[in-house]
């Protein structure tokens, strides 16, 4: 499906639609987000992290991970990742201590490989 734009200068929304079209449409974008999620989860599980949700219930938009231990210091973890150029989110649920990592936007599977490598380095 091709999108046509009446305004040659474009708006933010028109630019987003153009980029979506250039990527191959909604299904192609979804496939990238799913690959981002899969790359992230595989890398995090290899480092000993557990996802909050079972795979069958997890979406590819944002992924929640349980704290790896009782003494896990999210603030320290966050600050060290930020220094390496990655920003993650605190958890927002009461049933478990979690943090979240977004899988959408102008990010690609190789970015999640770099993220998990950074996490491996700071957890040594």
PDB file of N, CA and C in Angstrom:
ATOM      1  N   UNK A   1       0.846  -1.158   0.000  1.00  0.00           N
ATOM      2  CA  UNK A   1       0.000   0.000   0.000  1.00  0.00           C
ATOM      3  C   UNK A   1       0.900   1.232   0.000  1.00  0.00           C
ATOM      4  N   UNK A   2       0.673   2.143  -0.872  1.00  0.00           N
ATOM      5  CA  UNK A   2       1.440   3.377  -0.945  1.00  0.00           C
ATOM      6  C   UNK A   2       0.613   4.516  -0.378  1.00  0.00           C
ATOM      7  N   UNK A   3       1.264   5.418   0.326  1.00  0.00           N
ATOM      8  CA  UNK A   3       0.601   6.601   0.858  1.00  0.00           C
ATOM      9  C   UNK A   3       0.976   7.781  -0.023  1.00  0.00           C
ATOM     10  N   UNK A   4       0.036   8.665  -0.243  1.00  0.00           N
ATOM     11  CA  UNK A   4       0.289   9.855  -1.051  1.00  0.00           C
ATOM     12  C   UNK A   4       0.101  11.080  -0.172  1.00  0.00           C
ATOM     13  N   UNK A   5       0.956  12.062  -0.367  1.00  0.00           N
ATOM     14  CA  UNK A   5       0.965  13.224   0.491  1.00  0.00           C
ATOM     15  C   UNK A   5       0.674  14.484  -0.307  1.00  0.00           C
ATOM     16  N   UNK A   6      -0.303  15.244   0.151  1.00  0.00           N
ATOM     17  CA  UNK A   6      -0.676  16.475  -0.526  1.00  0.00           C
ATOM     18  C   UNK A   6       0.294  17.609  -0.199  1.00  0.00           C
ATOM     19  N   UNK A   7       0.855  17.598   0.990  1.00  0.00           N
ATOM     20  CA  UNK A   7       1.746  18.666   1.446  1.00  0.00           C
ATOM     21  C   UNK A   7       3.188  18.254   1.198  1.00  0.00           C
ATOM     22  N   UNK A   8       3.876  18.868   0.203  1.00  0.00           N
ATOM     23  CA  UNK A   8       5.253  18.455  -0.086  1.00  0.00           C
ATOM     24  C   UNK A   8       6.223  18.747   1.053  1.00  0.00           C
ATOM     25  N   UNK A   9       5.912  19.709   1.908  1.00  0.00           N
ATOM     26  CA  UNK A   9       6.783  19.991   3.057  1.00  0.00           C
ATOM     27  C   UNK A   9       6.624  18.907   4.113  1.00  0.00           C
ATOM     28  N   UNK A  10       5.428  18.357   4.235  1.00  0.00           N
ATOM     29  CA  UNK A  10       5.176  17.258   5.159  1.00  0.00           C
ATOM     30  C   UNK A  10       5.021  17.702   6.590  1.00  0.00           C
ATOM     31  N   UNK A  11       4.253  16.947   7.321  1.00  0.00           N
ATOM     32  CA  UNK A  11       4.115  17.122   8.760  1.00  0.00           C
ATOM     33  C   UNK A  11       4.784  15.936   9.420  1.00  0.00           C
ATOM     34  N   UNK A  12       4.847  15.957  10.719  1.00  0.00           N
ATOM     35  CA  UNK A  12       5.422  14.819  11.434  1.00  0.00           C
ATOM     36  C   UNK A  12       4.660  13.539  11.128  1.00  0.00           C
ATOM     37  N   UNK A  13       3.339  13.639  11.095  1.00  0.00           N
ATOM     38  CA  UNK A  13       2.530  12.465  10.801  1.00  0.00           C
ATOM     39  C   UNK A  13       2.781  11.978   9.381  1.00  0.00           C
ATOM     40  N   UNK A  14       2.854  12.890   8.453  1.00  0.00           N
ATOM     41  CA  UNK A  14       3.124  12.504   7.068  1.00  0.00           C
ATOM     42  C   UNK A  14       4.503  11.863   6.946  1.00  0.00           C
ATOM     43  N   UNK A  15       5.474  12.396   7.662  1.00  0.00           N
ATOM     44  CA  UNK A  15       6.813  11.809   7.645  1.00  0.00           C
ATOM     45  C   UNK A  15       6.789  10.392   8.209  1.00  0.00           C
ATOM     46  N   UNK A  16       6.042  10.209   9.293  1.00  0.00           N
ATOM     47  CA  UNK A  16       5.932   8.871   9.888  1.00  0.00           C
ATOM     48  C   UNK A  16       5.286   7.899   8.906  1.00  0.00           C
ATOM     49  N   UNK A  17       4.254   8.329   8.212  1.00  0.00           N
ATOM     50  CA  UNK A  17       3.610   7.467   7.213  1.00  0.00           C
ATOM     51  C   UNK A  17       4.554   7.154   6.058  1.00  0.00           C
ATOM     52  N   UNK A  18       5.339   8.136   5.669  1.00  0.00           N
ATOM     53  CA  UNK A  18       6.310   7.921   4.590  1.00  0.00           C
ATOM     54  C   UNK A  18       7.342   6.865   5.014  1.00  0.00           C
ATOM     55  N   UNK A  19       7.851   6.995   6.222  1.00  0.00           N
ATOM     56  CA  UNK A  19       8.838   6.036   6.720  1.00  0.00           C
ATOM     57  C   UNK A  19       8.232   4.641   6.857  1.00  0.00           C
ATOM     58  N   UNK A  20       6.984   4.573   7.288  1.00  0.00           N
ATOM     59  CA  UNK A  20       6.295   3.293   7.380  1.00  0.00           C
ATOM     60  C   UNK A  20       6.171   2.655   5.995  1.00  0.00           C
ATOM     61  N   UNK A  21       5.799   3.444   5.022  1.00  0.00           N
ATOM     62  CA  UNK A  21       5.677   2.956   3.648  1.00  0.00           C
ATOM     63  C   UNK A  21       7.032   2.493   3.115  1.00  0.00           C
ATOM     64  N   UNK A  22       8.087   3.263   3.377  1.00  0.00           N
ATOM     65  CA  UNK A  22       9.426   2.906   2.909  1.00  0.00           C
ATOM     66  C   UNK A  22       9.928   1.607   3.544  1.00  0.00           C
ATOM     67  N   UNK A  23       9.472   1.346   4.768  1.00  0.00           N
ATOM     68  CA  UNK A  23       9.888   0.112   5.454  1.00  0.00           C
ATOM     69  C   UNK A  23       9.147  -1.107   4.926  1.00  0.00           C
ATOM     70  N   UNK A  24       8.068  -0.880   4.218  1.00  0.00           N
ATOM     71  CA  UNK A  24       7.305  -1.999   3.670  1.00  0.00           C
ATOM     72  C   UNK A  24       5.921  -2.129   4.252  1.00  0.00           C
ATOM     73  N   UNK A  25       5.502  -1.169   5.063  1.00  0.00           N
ATOM     74  CA  UNK A  25       4.155  -1.168   5.618  1.00  0.00           C
ATOM     75  C   UNK A  25       4.079  -1.713   7.026  1.00  0.00           C
ATOM     76  N   UNK A  26       2.858  -1.860   7.464  1.00  0.00           N
ATOM     77  CA  UNK A  26       2.588  -2.243   8.851  1.00  0.00           C
ATOM     78  C   UNK A  26       3.168  -3.615   9.188  1.00  0.00           C
ATOM     79  N   UNK A  27       3.000  -4.587   8.306  1.00  0.00           N
ATOM     80  CA  UNK A  27       3.494  -5.938   8.598  1.00  0.00           C
ATOM     81  C   UNK A  27       5.018  -5.964   8.708  1.00  0.00           C
ATOM     82  N   UNK A  28       5.698  -5.247   7.821  1.00  0.00           N
ATOM     83  CA  UNK A  28       7.168  -5.192   7.892  1.00  0.00           C
ATOM     84  C   UNK A  28       7.618  -4.523   9.184  1.00  0.00           C
ATOM     85  N   UNK A  29       6.946  -3.467   9.580  1.00  0.00           N
ATOM     86  CA  UNK A  29       7.287  -2.789  10.841  1.00  0.00           C
ATOM     87  C   UNK A  29       7.051  -3.730  12.012  1.00  0.00           C
ATOM     88  N   UNK A  30       5.926  -4.414  12.007  1.00  0.00           N
ATOM     89  CA  UNK A  30       5.640  -5.366  13.082  1.00  0.00           C
ATOM     90  C   UNK A  30       6.718  -6.454  13.140  1.00  0.00           C
ATOM     91  N   UNK A  31       7.142  -6.952  12.000  1.00  0.00           N
ATOM     92  CA  UNK A  31       8.171  -7.996  11.967  1.00  0.00           C
ATOM     93  C   UNK A  31       9.481  -7.483  12.572  1.00  0.00           C
ATOM     94  N   UNK A  32       9.830  -6.220  12.300  1.00  0.00           N
ATOM     95  CA  UNK A  32      11.050  -5.648  12.899  1.00  0.00           C
ATOM     96  C   UNK A  32      10.890  -5.558  14.408  1.00  0.00           C
ATOM     97  N   UNK A  33       9.751  -5.070  14.869  1.00  0.00           N
ATOM     98  CA  UNK A  33       9.525  -4.973  16.308  1.00  0.00           C
ATOM     99  C   UNK A  33       9.577  -6.345  16.969  1.00  0.00           C
ATOM    100  N   UNK A  34       9.030  -7.355  16.295  1.00  0.00           N
ATOM    101  CA  UNK A  34       9.066  -8.712  16.844  1.00  0.00           C
ATOM    102  C   UNK A  34      10.502  -9.229  16.900  1.00  0.00           C
ATOM    103  N   UNK A  35      11.284  -8.963  15.863  1.00  0.00           N
ATOM    104  CA  UNK A  35      12.691  -9.375  15.847  1.00  0.00           C
ATOM    105  C   UNK A  35      13.460  -8.642  16.945  1.00  0.00           C
ATOM    106  N   UNK A  36      13.156  -7.344  17.138  1.00  0.00           N
ATOM    107  CA  UNK A  36      13.778  -6.593  18.239  1.00  0.00           C
ATOM    108  C   UNK A  36      13.486  -7.287  19.566  1.00  0.00           C
ATOM    109  N   UNK A  37      12.221  -7.593  19.787  1.00  0.00           N
ATOM    110  CA  UNK A  37      11.810  -8.243  21.034  1.00  0.00           C
ATOM    111  C   UNK A  37      12.510  -9.595  21.207  1.00  0.00           C
ATOM    112  N   UNK A  38      12.497 -10.409  20.165  1.00  0.00           N
ATOM    113  CA  UNK A  38      13.118 -11.733  20.248  1.00  0.00           C
ATOM    114  C   UNK A  38      14.612 -11.636  20.539  1.00  0.00           C
ATOM    115  N   UNK A  39      15.289 -10.694  19.887  1.00  0.00           N
ATOM    116  CA  UNK A  39      16.724 -10.496  20.110  1.00  0.00           C
ATOM    117  C   UNK A  39      16.981 -10.064  21.551  1.00  0.00           C
ATOM    118  N   UNK A  40      16.161  -9.142  22.038  1.00  0.00           N
ATOM    119  CA  UNK A  40      16.285  -8.670  23.415  1.00  0.00           C
ATOM    120  C   UNK A  40      16.065  -9.813  24.406  1.00  0.00           C
ATOM    121  N   UNK A  41      14.978 -10.538  24.255  1.00  0.00           N
ATOM    122  CA  UNK A  41      14.649 -11.600  25.212  1.00  0.00           C
ATOM    123  C   UNK A  41      15.709 -12.695  25.187  1.00  0.00           C
ATOM    124  N   UNK A  42      16.142 -13.097  24.013  1.00  0.00           N
ATOM    125  CA  UNK A  42      17.193 -14.118  23.934  1.00  0.00           C
ATOM    126  C   UNK A  42      18.456 -13.648  24.656  1.00  0.00           C
ATOM    127  N   UNK A  43      18.849 -12.403  24.416  1.00  0.00           N
ATOM    128  CA  UNK A  43      20.049 -11.865  25.054  1.00  0.00           C
ATOM    129  C   UNK A  43      19.911 -11.740  26.556  1.00  0.00           C
ATOM    130  N   UNK A  44      18.755 -11.268  27.011  1.00  0.00           N
ATOM    131  CA  UNK A  44      18.545 -11.091  28.447  1.00  0.00           C
ATOM    132  C   UNK A  44      18.457 -12.440  29.163  1.00  0.00           C
ATOM    133  N   UNK A  45      17.794 -13.394  28.553  1.00  0.00           N
ATOM    134  CA  UNK A  45      17.723 -14.726  29.169  1.00  0.00           C
ATOM    135  C   UNK A  45      19.106 -15.356  29.257  1.00  0.00           C
ATOM    136  N   UNK A  46      19.940 -15.126  28.260  1.00  0.00           N
ATOM    137  CA  UNK A  46      21.310 -15.643  28.298  1.00  0.00           C
ATOM    138  C   UNK A  46      22.093 -15.023  29.456  1.00  0.00           C
ATOM    139  N   UNK A  47      21.677 -13.836  29.894  1.00  0.00           N
ATOM    140  CA  UNK A  47      22.330 -13.168  31.025  1.00  0.00           C
ATOM    141  C   UNK A  47      21.668 -13.503  32.361  1.00  0.00           C
ATOM    142  N   UNK A  48      20.647 -14.350  32.336  1.00  0.00           N
ATOM    143  CA  UNK A  48      19.994 -14.776  33.570  1.00  0.00           C
ATOM    144  C   UNK A  48      18.749 -13.999  33.953  1.00  0.00           C
ATOM    145  N   UNK A  49      18.279 -13.106  33.110  1.00  0.00           N
ATOM    146  CA  UNK A  49      17.062 -12.353  33.401  1.00  0.00           C
ATOM    147  C   UNK A  49      15.840 -13.166  32.978  1.00  0.00           C
ATOM    148  N   UNK A  50      14.730 -12.944  33.677  1.00  0.00           N
ATOM    149  CA  UNK A  50      13.464 -13.587  33.347  1.00  0.00           C
ATOM    150  C   UNK A  50      12.459 -12.530  32.929  1.00  0.00           C
ATOM    151  N   UNK A  51      11.658 -12.855  31.926  1.00  0.00           N
ATOM    152  CA  UNK A  51      10.578 -11.945  31.550  1.00  0.00           C
ATOM    153  C   UNK A  51       9.464 -12.055  32.588  1.00  0.00           C
ATOM    154  N   UNK A  52       8.723 -10.970  32.747  1.00  0.00           N
ATOM    155  CA  UNK A  52       7.591 -10.989  33.680  1.00  0.00           C
ATOM    156  C   UNK A  52       6.475 -11.873  33.138  1.00  0.00           C
ATOM    157  N   UNK A  53       6.166 -11.714  31.867  1.00  0.00           N
ATOM    158  CA  UNK A  53       5.060 -12.453  31.253  1.00  0.00           C
ATOM    159  C   UNK A  53       5.557 -13.687  30.518  1.00  0.00           C
ATOM    160  N   UNK A  54       4.729 -14.718  30.462  1.00  0.00           N
ATOM    161  CA  UNK A  54       5.086 -15.861  29.614  1.00  0.00           C
ATOM    162  C   UNK A  54       5.067 -15.427  28.143  1.00  0.00           C
ATOM    163  N   UNK A  55       5.837 -16.103  27.327  1.00  0.00           N
ATOM    164  CA  UNK A  55       5.964 -15.736  25.917  1.00  0.00           C
ATOM    165  C   UNK A  55       4.614 -15.625  25.215  1.00  0.00           C
ATOM    166  N   UNK A  56       3.688 -16.490  25.537  1.00  0.00           N
ATOM    167  CA  UNK A  56       2.382 -16.501  24.863  1.00  0.00           C
ATOM    168  C   UNK A  56       1.566 -15.233  25.128  1.00  0.00           C
ATOM    169  N   UNK A  57       1.879 -14.513  26.199  1.00  0.00           N
ATOM    170  CA  UNK A  57       1.141 -13.296  26.541  1.00  0.00           C
ATOM    171  C   UNK A  57       1.899 -12.017  26.225  1.00  0.00           C
ATOM    172  N   UNK A  58       3.135 -12.123  25.846  1.00  0.00           N
ATOM    173  CA  UNK A  58       4.013 -10.966  25.656  1.00  0.00           C
ATOM    174  C   UNK A  58       3.808 -10.334  24.282  1.00  0.00           C
ATOM    175  N   UNK A  59       3.716  -9.002  24.257  1.00  0.00           N
ATOM    176  CA  UNK A  59       3.670  -8.293  22.982  1.00  0.00           C
ATOM    177  C   UNK A  59       5.085  -7.890  22.581  1.00  0.00           C
ATOM    178  N   UNK A  60       5.223  -7.401  21.381  1.00  0.00           N
ATOM    179  CA  UNK A  60       6.548  -6.992  20.900  1.00  0.00           C
ATOM    180  C   UNK A  60       6.817  -5.511  21.117  1.00  0.00           C
ATOM    181  N   UNK A  61       5.957  -4.807  21.831  1.00  0.00           N
ATOM    182  CA  UNK A  61       6.081  -3.357  22.002  1.00  0.00           C
ATOM    183  C   UNK A  61       7.050  -2.995  23.129  1.00  0.00           C
ATOM    184  N   UNK A  62       6.829  -3.566  24.284  1.00  0.00           N
ATOM    185  CA  UNK A  62       7.672  -3.299  25.453  1.00  0.00           C
ATOM    186  C   UNK A  62       7.760  -4.590  26.261  1.00  0.00           C
ATOM    187  N   UNK A  63       8.926  -4.846  26.830  1.00  0.00           N
ATOM    188  CA  UNK A  63       9.152  -6.104  27.542  1.00  0.00           C
ATOM    189  C   UNK A  63       9.545  -5.808  28.981  1.00  0.00           C
ATOM    190  N   UNK A  64       8.869  -6.457  29.913  1.00  0.00           N
ATOM    191  CA  UNK A  64       9.191  -6.308  31.339  1.00  0.00           C
ATOM    192  C   UNK A  64      10.036  -7.482  31.799  1.00  0.00           C
ATOM    193  N   UNK A  65      11.064  -7.152  32.583  1.00  0.00           N
ATOM    194  CA  UNK A  65      11.960  -8.162  33.149  1.00  0.00           C
ATOM    195  C   UNK A  65      11.928  -8.067  34.661  1.00  0.00           C
ATOM    196  N   UNK A  66      11.970  -9.209  35.292  1.00  0.00           N
ATOM    197  CA  UNK A  66      12.042  -9.262  36.756  1.00  0.00           C
ATOM    198  C   UNK A  66      13.450  -8.861  37.198  1.00  0.00           C
ATOM    199  N   UNK A  67      13.534  -8.261  38.366  1.00  0.00           N
ATOM    200  CA  UNK A  67      14.848  -8.014  38.948  1.00  0.00           C
ATOM    201  C   UNK A  67      15.541  -9.365  39.105  1.00  0.00           C
ATOM    202  N   UNK A  68      16.835  -9.443  38.828  1.00  0.00           N
ATOM    203  CA  UNK A  68      17.520 -10.735  38.890  1.00  0.00           C
ATOM    204  C   UNK A  68      17.799 -11.228  40.310  1.00  0.00           C
ATOM    205  N   UNK A  69      17.706 -10.332  41.297  1.00  0.00           N
ATOM    206  CA  UNK A  69      17.971 -10.733  42.683  1.00  0.00           C
ATOM    207  C   UNK A  69      17.325  -9.721  43.628  1.00  0.00           C
ATOM    208  N   UNK A  70      17.234 -10.093  44.893  1.00  0.00           N
ATOM    209  CA  UNK A  70      16.641  -9.215  45.908  1.00  0.00           C
ATOM    210  C   UNK A  70      17.445  -7.930  46.084  1.00  0.00           C
ATOM    211  N   UNK A  71      18.756  -8.011  45.913  1.00  0.00           N
ATOM    212  CA  UNK A  71      19.609  -6.845  46.138  1.00  0.00           C
ATOM    213  C   UNK A  71      19.895  -6.048  44.859  1.00  0.00           C
ATOM    214  N   UNK A  72      19.157  -6.316  43.790  1.00  0.00           N
ATOM    215  CA  UNK A  72      19.338  -5.606  42.529  1.00  0.00           C
ATOM    216  C   UNK A  72      19.054  -4.123  42.741  1.00  0.00           C
ATOM    217  N   UNK A  73      19.971  -3.280  42.286  1.00  0.00           N
ATOM    218  CA  UNK A  73      19.838  -1.827  42.423  1.00  0.00           C
ATOM    219  C   UNK A  73      19.472  -1.238  41.064  1.00  0.00           C
ATOM    220  N   UNK A  74      18.171  -1.010  40.849  1.00  0.00           N
ATOM    221  CA  UNK A  74      17.717  -0.508  39.553  1.00  0.00           C
ATOM    222  C   UNK A  74      18.353   0.836  39.224  1.00  0.00           C
ATOM    223  N   UNK A  75      18.413   1.740  40.189  1.00  0.00           N
ATOM    224  CA  UNK A  75      18.962   3.076  39.934  1.00  0.00           C
ATOM    225  C   UNK A  75      20.402   2.990  39.425  1.00  0.00           C
ATOM    226  N   UNK A  76      21.216   2.189  40.056  1.00  0.00           N
ATOM    227  CA  UNK A  76      22.604   2.014  39.622  1.00  0.00           C
ATOM    228  C   UNK A  76      22.657   1.395  38.223  1.00  0.00           C
ATOM    229  N   UNK A  77      21.847   0.363  37.989  1.00  0.00           N
ATOM    230  CA  UNK A  77      21.758  -0.301  36.689  1.00  0.00           C
ATOM    231  C   UNK A  77      21.350   0.705  35.616  1.00  0.00           C
ATOM    232  N   UNK A  78      20.328   1.489  35.909  1.00  0.00           N
ATOM    233  CA  UNK A  78      19.832   2.514  34.989  1.00  0.00           C
ATOM    234  C   UNK A  78      20.936   3.519  34.644  1.00  0.00           C
ATOM    235  N   UNK A  79      21.605   4.031  35.660  1.00  0.00           N
ATOM    236  CA  UNK A  79      22.640   5.054  35.448  1.00  0.00           C
ATOM    237  C   UNK A  79      23.799   4.507  34.607  1.00  0.00           C
ATOM    238  N   UNK A  80      24.216   3.301  34.877  1.00  0.00           N
ATOM    239  CA  UNK A  80      25.312   2.705  34.103  1.00  0.00           C
ATOM    240  C   UNK A  80      24.910   2.483  32.655  1.00  0.00           C
ATOM    241  N   UNK A  81      23.677   2.040  32.416  1.00  0.00           N
ATOM    242  CA  UNK A  81      23.213   1.869  31.033  1.00  0.00           C
ATOM    243  C   UNK A  81      23.086   3.216  30.331  1.00  0.00           C
ATOM    244  N   UNK A  82      22.618   4.206  31.050  1.00  0.00           N
ATOM    245  CA  UNK A  82      22.473   5.549  30.461  1.00  0.00           C
ATOM    246  C   UNK A  82      23.824   6.093  30.010  1.00  0.00           C
ATOM    247  N   UNK A  83      24.857   5.852  30.804  1.00  0.00           N
ATOM    248  CA  UNK A  83      26.209   6.288  30.421  1.00  0.00           C
ATOM    249  C   UNK A  83      26.684   5.603  29.138  1.00  0.00           C
ATOM    250  N   UNK A  84      26.134   4.438  28.847  1.00  0.00           N
ATOM    251  CA  UNK A  84      26.485   3.706  27.632  1.00  0.00           C
ATOM    252  C   UNK A  84      25.527   4.021  26.478  1.00  0.00           C
ATOM    253  N   UNK A  85      24.597   4.962  26.713  1.00  0.00           N
ATOM    254  CA  UNK A  85      23.698   5.403  25.650  1.00  0.00           C
ATOM    255  C   UNK A  85      22.363   4.693  25.577  1.00  0.00           C
ATOM    256  N   UNK A  86      21.985   3.967  26.625  1.00  0.00           N
ATOM    257  CA  UNK A  86      20.718   3.236  26.631  1.00  0.00           C
ATOM    258  C   UNK A  86      19.837   3.735  27.768  1.00  0.00           C
ATOM    259  N   UNK A  87      18.560   3.933  27.483  1.00  0.00           N
ATOM    260  CA  UNK A  87      17.609   4.357  28.497  1.00  0.00           C
ATOM    261  C   UNK A  87      16.528   3.296  28.608  1.00  0.00           C
ATOM    262  N   UNK A  88      16.307   2.828  29.837  1.00  0.00           N
ATOM    263  CA  UNK A  88      15.271   1.839  30.102  1.00  0.00           C
ATOM    264  C   UNK A  88      14.270   2.465  31.058  1.00  0.00           C
ATOM    265  N   UNK A  89      13.229   1.727  31.418  1.00  0.00           N
ATOM    266  CA  UNK A  89      12.150   2.271  32.228  1.00  0.00           C
ATOM    267  C   UNK A  89      11.957   1.444  33.491  1.00  0.00           C
ATOM    268  N   UNK A  90      11.620   2.111  34.597  1.00  0.00           N
ATOM    269  CA  UNK A  90      11.295   1.333  35.800  1.00  0.00           C
ATOM    270  C   UNK A  90       9.994   0.569  35.591  1.00  0.00           C
ATOM    271  N   UNK A  91       9.795  -0.459  36.381  1.00  0.00           N
ATOM    272  CA  UNK A  91       8.546  -1.218  36.322  1.00  0.00           C
ATOM    273  C   UNK A  91       7.413  -0.423  36.925  1.00  0.00           C
ATOM    274  N   UNK A  92       6.202  -0.724  36.534  1.00  0.00           N
ATOM    275  CA  UNK A  92       5.037   0.008  37.040  1.00  0.00           C
ATOM    276  C   UNK A  92       3.958  -0.930  37.549  1.00  0.00           C
ATOM    277  N   UNK A  93       4.351  -2.038  38.148  1.00  0.00           N
ATOM    278  CA  UNK A  93       3.354  -2.963  38.680  1.00  0.00           C
ATOM    279  C   UNK A  93       3.641  -3.237  40.152  1.00  0.00           C
ATOM    280  N   UNK A  94       2.651  -3.692  40.862  1.00  0.00           N
ATOM    281  CA  UNK A  94       2.840  -3.946  42.293  1.00  0.00           C
ATOM    282  C   UNK A  94       3.130  -5.408  42.601  1.00  0.00           C
ATOM    283  N   UNK A  95       2.909  -6.317  41.650  1.00  0.00           N
ATOM    284  CA  UNK A  95       3.068  -7.741  41.926  1.00  0.00           C
ATOM    285  C   UNK A  95       4.518  -8.216  41.905  1.00  0.00           C
ATOM    286  N   UNK A  96       5.417  -7.451  41.283  1.00  0.00           N
ATOM    287  CA  UNK A  96       6.814  -7.890  41.176  1.00  0.00           C
ATOM    288  C   UNK A  96       7.707  -6.680  40.925  1.00  0.00           C
ATOM    289  N   UNK A  97       8.965  -6.821  41.309  1.00  0.00           N
ATOM    290  CA  UNK A  97       9.954  -5.783  40.997  1.00  0.00           C
ATOM    291  C   UNK A  97      10.422  -6.005  39.569  1.00  0.00           C
ATOM    292  N   UNK A  98      10.180  -5.023  38.720  1.00  0.00           N
ATOM    293  CA  UNK A  98      10.504  -5.161  37.303  1.00  0.00           C
ATOM    294  C   UNK A  98      11.083  -3.880  36.735  1.00  0.00           C
ATOM    295  N   UNK A  99      11.666  -4.013  35.561  1.00  0.00           N
ATOM    296  CA  UNK A  99      12.012  -2.866  34.722  1.00  0.00           C
ATOM    297  C   UNK A  99      11.579  -3.216  33.312  1.00  0.00           C
ATOM    298  N   UNK A 100      11.443  -2.197  32.464  1.00  0.00           N
ATOM    299  CA  UNK A 100      10.911  -2.407  31.122  1.00  0.00           C
ATOM    300  C   UNK A 100      11.885  -1.882  30.079  1.00  0.00           C
ATOM    301  N   UNK A 101      11.876  -2.527  28.926  1.00  0.00           N
ATOM    302  CA  UNK A 101      12.688  -2.092  27.791  1.00  0.00           C
ATOM    303  C   UNK A 101      11.778  -2.033  26.573  1.00  0.00           C
ATOM    304  N   UNK A 102      11.749  -0.872  25.927  1.00  0.00           N
ATOM    305  CA  UNK A 102      10.931  -0.683  24.741  1.00  0.00           C
ATOM    306  C   UNK A 102      11.595  -1.282  23.512  1.00  0.00           C
ATOM    307  N   UNK A 103      10.773  -1.813  22.619  1.00  0.00           N
ATOM    308  CA  UNK A 103      11.262  -2.498  21.422  1.00  0.00           C
ATOM    309  C   UNK A 103      10.890  -1.772  20.134  1.00  0.00           C
ATOM    310  N   UNK A 104      10.271  -0.591  20.237  1.00  0.00           N
ATOM    311  CA  UNK A 104       9.776   0.098  19.045  1.00  0.00           C
ATOM    312  C   UNK A 104      10.491   1.420  18.850  1.00  0.00           C
ATOM    313  N   UNK A 105      10.303   1.996  17.692  1.00  0.00           N
ATOM    314  CA  UNK A 105      10.951   3.243  17.329  1.00  0.00           C
ATOM    315  C   UNK A 105      12.011   2.966  16.285  1.00  0.00           C
ATOM    316  N   UNK A 106      12.926   3.876  16.139  1.00  0.00           N
ATOM    317  CA  UNK A 106      13.992   3.712  15.139  1.00  0.00           C
ATOM    318  C   UNK A 106      15.134   2.899  15.740  1.00  0.00           C
ATOM    319  N   UNK A 107      14.796   1.682  16.150  1.00  0.00           N
ATOM    320  CA  UNK A 107      15.772   0.738  16.700  1.00  0.00           C
ATOM    321  C   UNK A 107      15.642  -0.572  15.945  1.00  0.00           C
ATOM    322  N   UNK A 108      16.746  -1.308  15.916  1.00  0.00           N
ATOM    323  CA  UNK A 108      16.842  -2.511  15.102  1.00  0.00           C
ATOM    324  C   UNK A 108      17.494  -3.620  15.916  1.00  0.00           C
ATOM    325  N   UNK A 109      17.393  -4.874  15.471  1.00  0.00           N
ATOM    326  CA  UNK A 109      17.946  -5.983  16.254  1.00  0.00           C
ATOM    327  C   UNK A 109      19.395  -5.766  16.701  1.00  0.00           C
ATOM    328  N   UNK A 110      20.222  -5.191  15.850  1.00  0.00           N
ATOM    329  CA  UNK A 110      21.621  -4.974  16.243  1.00  0.00           C
ATOM    330  C   UNK A 110      21.738  -4.022  17.435  1.00  0.00           C
ATOM    331  N   UNK A 111      20.762  -3.113  17.609  1.00  0.00           N
ATOM    332  CA  UNK A 111      20.764  -2.239  18.780  1.00  0.00           C
ATOM    333  C   UNK A 111      20.532  -3.054  20.057  1.00  0.00           C
ATOM    334  N   UNK A 112      19.715  -4.098  19.955  1.00  0.00           N
ATOM    335  CA  UNK A 112      19.445  -4.937  21.125  1.00  0.00           C
ATOM    336  C   UNK A 112      20.600  -5.871  21.432  1.00  0.00           C
ATOM    337  N   UNK A 113      21.363  -6.227  20.414  1.00  0.00           N
ATOM    338  CA  UNK A 113      22.604  -6.967  20.651  1.00  0.00           C
ATOM    339  C   UNK A 113      23.566  -6.069  21.422  1.00  0.00           C
ATOM    340  N   UNK A 114      23.702  -4.813  20.987  1.00  0.00           N
ATOM    341  CA  UNK A 114      24.583  -3.871  21.693  1.00  0.00           C
ATOM    342  C   UNK A 114      24.107  -3.631  23.122  1.00  0.00           C
ATOM    343  N   UNK A 115      22.788  -3.528  23.310  1.00  0.00           N
ATOM    344  CA  UNK A 115      22.245  -3.331  24.653  1.00  0.00           C
ATOM    345  C   UNK A 115      22.589  -4.503  25.565  1.00  0.00           C
ATOM    346  N   UNK A 116      22.362  -5.709  25.106  1.00  0.00           N
ATOM    347  CA  UNK A 116      22.658  -6.860  25.975  1.00  0.00           C
ATOM    348  C   UNK A 116      24.152  -7.003  26.224  1.00  0.00           C
ATOM    349  N   UNK A 117      24.975  -6.598  25.266  1.00  0.00           N
ATOM    350  CA  UNK A 117      26.423  -6.592  25.510  1.00  0.00           C
ATOM    351  C   UNK A 117      26.773  -5.568  26.585  1.00  0.00           C
ATOM    352  N   UNK A 118      26.132  -4.404  26.547  1.00  0.00           N
ATOM    353  CA  UNK A 118      26.362  -3.382  27.572  1.00  0.00           C
ATOM    354  C   UNK A 118      25.918  -3.888  28.940  1.00  0.00           C
ATOM    355  N   UNK A 119      24.803  -4.568  28.988  1.00  0.00           N
ATOM    356  CA  UNK A 119      24.319  -5.128  30.259  1.00  0.00           C
ATOM    357  C   UNK A 119      25.288  -6.177  30.776  1.00  0.00           C
ATOM    358  N   UNK A 120      25.810  -7.003  29.901  1.00  0.00           N
ATOM    359  CA  UNK A 120      26.799  -8.007  30.321  1.00  0.00           C
ATOM    360  C   UNK A 120      28.011  -7.315  30.938  1.00  0.00           C
ATOM    361  N   UNK A 121      28.482  -6.239  30.301  1.00  0.00           N
ATOM    362  CA  UNK A 121      29.656  -5.516  30.802  1.00  0.00           C
ATOM    363  C   UNK A 121      29.414  -4.912  32.168  1.00  0.00           C
ATOM    364  N   UNK A 122      28.257  -4.294  32.390  1.00  0.00           N
ATOM    365  CA  UNK A 122      28.040  -3.615  33.675  1.00  0.00           C
ATOM    366  C   UNK A 122      27.687  -4.585  34.796  1.00  0.00           C
ATOM    367  N   UNK A 123      27.313  -5.805  34.459  1.00  0.00           N
ATOM    368  CA  UNK A 123      26.958  -6.798  35.475  1.00  0.00           C
ATOM    369  C   UNK A 123      28.148  -7.676  35.874  1.00  0.00           C
ATOM    370  N   UNK A 124      29.320  -7.465  35.278  1.00  0.00           N
ATOM    371  CA  UNK A 124      30.494  -8.288  35.607  1.00  0.00           C
ATOM    372  C   UNK A 124      30.877  -8.133  37.054  1.00  0.00           C
TER     373      UNK A 124
END
